[in-house]
Protein backbone atom coordinates (compact mmCIF):
# COMPACT_ATOMS: atom_id res chain seq x y z
CA MET A 1 0.00 0.00 0.00
CA GLY A 2 1.18 3.46 -0.80
CA TRP A 3 1.22 6.43 1.53
CA HIS A 4 -1.80 7.96 -0.29
CA LEU A 5 -3.99 5.00 0.74
CA MET A 6 -3.01 5.35 4.39
CA ARG A 7 -4.16 8.98 4.42
CA ARG A 8 -7.62 8.13 3.10
CA PRO A 9 -10.05 7.11 5.87
CA PRO A 10 -11.87 3.77 5.60
CA LYS A 11 -15.17 3.46 3.75
CA PHE A 12 -18.18 5.23 5.37
CA VAL A 13 -15.88 7.40 7.52
CA GLN A 14 -16.15 11.16 7.35
CA GLY A 15 -13.84 13.51 9.20
CA PHE A 16 -13.46 17.18 9.94
CA ILE A 17 -11.60 19.54 12.25
CA ASP A 18 -13.88 20.93 14.98
CA ARG A 19 -13.83 24.51 16.27
CA HIS A 20 -11.19 23.61 18.88
CA GLY A 21 -8.80 22.24 16.25
CA ARG A 22 -9.38 18.56 17.12
CA PRO A 23 -9.94 16.03 14.34
CA ARG A 24 -13.32 14.27 14.56
CA PHE A 25 -14.26 11.14 12.65
CA TYR A 26 -17.72 9.63 12.26
CA PHE A 27 -18.96 6.36 10.82
CA ARG A 28 -21.80 7.38 8.47
CA ARG A 29 -23.32 4.51 6.52
CA PRO A 30 -26.79 4.85 4.96
CA GLY A 31 -29.39 3.14 7.13
CA PHE A 32 -27.14 3.03 10.21
CA LYS A 33 -26.86 5.38 13.15
CA ARG A 34 -24.05 7.93 12.96
CA MET A 35 -21.31 6.83 15.34
CA PRO A 36 -18.27 8.83 16.53
CA LEU A 37 -14.95 7.00 16.16
CA PRO A 38 -12.10 7.56 18.64
CA GLY A 39 -8.51 8.32 17.69
CA LEU A 40 -7.07 8.74 14.23
CA PRO A 41 -7.86 6.58 11.19
CA TRP A 42 -6.02 3.28 10.99
CA SER A 43 -5.02 3.34 14.70
CA PRO A 44 -5.90 0.17 16.70
CA GLU A 45 -8.62 1.85 18.80
CA PHE A 46 -10.09 3.49 15.69
CA MET A 47 -10.19 0.20 13.77
CA ALA A 48 -11.80 -1.65 16.71
CA ALA A 49 -14.59 0.95 16.87
CA TYR A 50 -14.88 0.92 13.06
CA GLU A 51 -15.35 -2.88 12.99
CA GLU A 52 -18.00 -2.60 15.71
CA ALA A 53 -19.82 0.10 13.74
CA LEU A 54 -19.74 -2.02 10.55
CA ALA A 55 -21.37 -4.91 12.40
CA GLY A 56 -24.01 -2.64 13.98
CA GLN A 57 -27.75 -2.95 13.62
CA ILE A 58 -29.58 -1.35 10.72
CA MET A 59 -31.94 1.43 11.80
CA GLN A 60 -35.58 0.82 11.05
CA ILE A 61 -36.95 3.41 8.68
CA GLY A 62 -39.34 5.61 10.66
CA GLY A 63 -39.21 3.22 13.62
CA SER A 64 -38.81 5.94 16.24
CA ARG A 65 -41.87 7.90 15.08
CA VAL A 66 -44.35 5.01 15.11
CA ARG A 67 -46.30 3.34 17.89
CA PRO A 68 -45.77 -0.45 17.99
CA GLY A 69 -48.72 -2.60 16.91
CA THR A 70 -50.25 -0.06 14.53
CA MET A 71 -50.82 -0.44 10.81
CA ARG A 72 -47.96 2.02 10.18
CA ALA A 73 -45.59 -0.16 12.27
CA LEU A 74 -46.69 -3.18 10.24
CA ALA A 75 -45.97 -1.28 7.01
CA ILE A 76 -42.51 -0.26 8.25
CA SER A 77 -41.64 -3.82 9.22
CA TYR A 78 -42.74 -4.90 5.72
CA TYR A 79 -40.54 -2.22 4.11
CA ASN A 80 -37.57 -3.59 6.08
CA SER A 81 -38.32 -7.22 5.19
CA LEU A 82 -36.30 -9.26 2.73
CA GLY A 83 -39.47 -9.95 0.73
CA PHE A 84 -39.99 -6.24 0.03
CA ARG A 85 -36.33 -5.45 -0.55
CA SER A 86 -35.98 -8.31 -3.04
CA LEU A 87 -38.69 -6.82 -5.28
CA LYS A 88 -37.76 -4.73 -8.30
CA LEU A 89 -37.55 -1.00 -7.62
CA THR A 90 -40.63 -0.30 -9.73
CA SER A 91 -42.66 -2.87 -7.78
CA GLN A 92 -41.38 -1.42 -4.50
CA ALA A 93 -42.53 2.04 -5.58
CA ILE A 94 -46.01 0.79 -6.55
CA TYR A 95 -46.47 -1.23 -3.35
CA ARG A 96 -45.17 1.66 -1.23
CA ARG A 97 -47.65 4.09 -2.83
CA ILE A 98 -50.56 1.75 -2.13
CA ILE A 99 -49.47 1.02 1.44
CA ASP A 100 -48.69 4.67 2.23
CA ARG A 101 -52.10 5.77 0.96
CA PHE A 102 -53.69 3.14 3.21
CA CYS A 103 -51.55 4.27 6.17
CA ARG A 104 -52.51 7.92 5.71
CA GLU A 105 -56.12 6.92 6.37
CA HIS A 106 -55.64 4.02 8.80
CA GLY A 107 -52.01 4.10 10.00
CA ASP A 108 -52.80 4.86 13.65
CA LYS A 109 -55.27 1.98 14.02
CA ARG A 110 -54.22 -1.23 15.76
CA ALA A 111 -53.26 -4.07 13.41
CA ALA A 112 -54.57 -6.71 15.83
CA THR A 113 -58.15 -5.42 15.49
CA LEU A 114 -58.18 -5.71 11.68
CA GLN A 115 -60.62 -8.37 10.48
CA ARG A 116 -61.61 -9.81 7.11
CA GLU A 117 -64.82 -7.77 6.82
CA HIS A 118 -62.82 -4.55 7.29
CA ILE A 119 -60.64 -5.45 4.31
CA VAL A 120 -63.66 -6.39 2.16
CA LYS A 121 -65.28 -3.05 3.00
CA LEU A 122 -62.07 -1.14 2.17
CA MET A 123 -61.61 -2.98 -1.13
CA ALA A 124 -65.21 -2.18 -2.15
CA THR A 125 -64.48 1.56 -1.92
CA ARG A 126 -61.33 1.43 -4.09
CA LYS A 127 -61.12 2.07 -7.83
CA PRO A 128 -60.81 -1.08 -9.99
CA GLY A 129 -57.13 -0.54 -10.95
CA ILE A 130 -56.06 0.06 -7.36
CA LYS A 131 -58.16 -2.89 -6.23
CA ARG A 132 -56.42 -5.23 -8.70
CA SER A 133 -52.91 -4.11 -7.74
CA ALA A 134 -53.67 -4.28 -4.01
CA LYS A 135 -55.09 -7.80 -4.39
CA SER A 136 -52.10 -8.83 -6.49
CA ALA A 137 -49.65 -7.41 -3.93
CA ALA A 138 -51.45 -9.13 -1.06
CA ARG A 139 -51.60 -12.44 -2.95
CA ASP A 140 -47.90 -12.32 -3.89
CA ASP A 141 -46.88 -11.43 -0.34
CA ALA A 142 -49.05 -14.19 1.13
CA ALA A 143 -47.47 -16.74 -1.24
CA ARG A 144 -43.96 -15.63 -0.20
CA ASN A 145 -44.80 -15.80 3.50
CA ARG A 146 -46.53 -19.18 3.24
CA ASP A 147 -43.57 -20.96 1.67
CA GLY A 148 -40.80 -18.92 3.26
CA ALA A 149 -39.42 -18.13 -0.19
CA ALA A 150 -40.75 -16.53 -3.32
CA ARG A 151 -42.89 -18.93 -5.35
CA ARG A 152 -42.78 -18.76 -9.09
CA ARG A 153 -45.95 -18.73 -11.09
CA PRO A 154 -46.09 -21.36 -13.84
CA ASP A 155 -45.27 -20.07 -17.26
CA PRO A 156 -48.56 -19.97 -19.28
CA ARG A 157 -46.71 -20.63 -22.54
CA HIS A 158 -45.78 -24.22 -21.55
């Protein structure tokens, strides 16, 4: 390694000189909490804290602003699930729009009190296009959760 690589801080590390002239370094990775790192880059104490920060827990999106057990909390846990993250970005955007619209109206209600007749009543008030995509999203998600992995639909051409 050359001297120019040793001067560059590790990945996800940002540094600056504070108003007292002391160098400050922070671990700033998207989706993780910002964490101050002690010492100078590449020192043993710095690298120990850096490794700990890399192995840290991912922050839940919006988790601190939501009451547990509500429809909004259920939506957030779905957004953080592997099933949602493994979808294509366009599908994620469509599902998120549908779920967010639902949460604007019903996000503060308790998920445990939701029953089948509530869903039937909600689906009856929706427009046909939204109704189809919501049913499709619910059916696809139920199939993934039932088998523990994404099921493939049979190819109609064969």
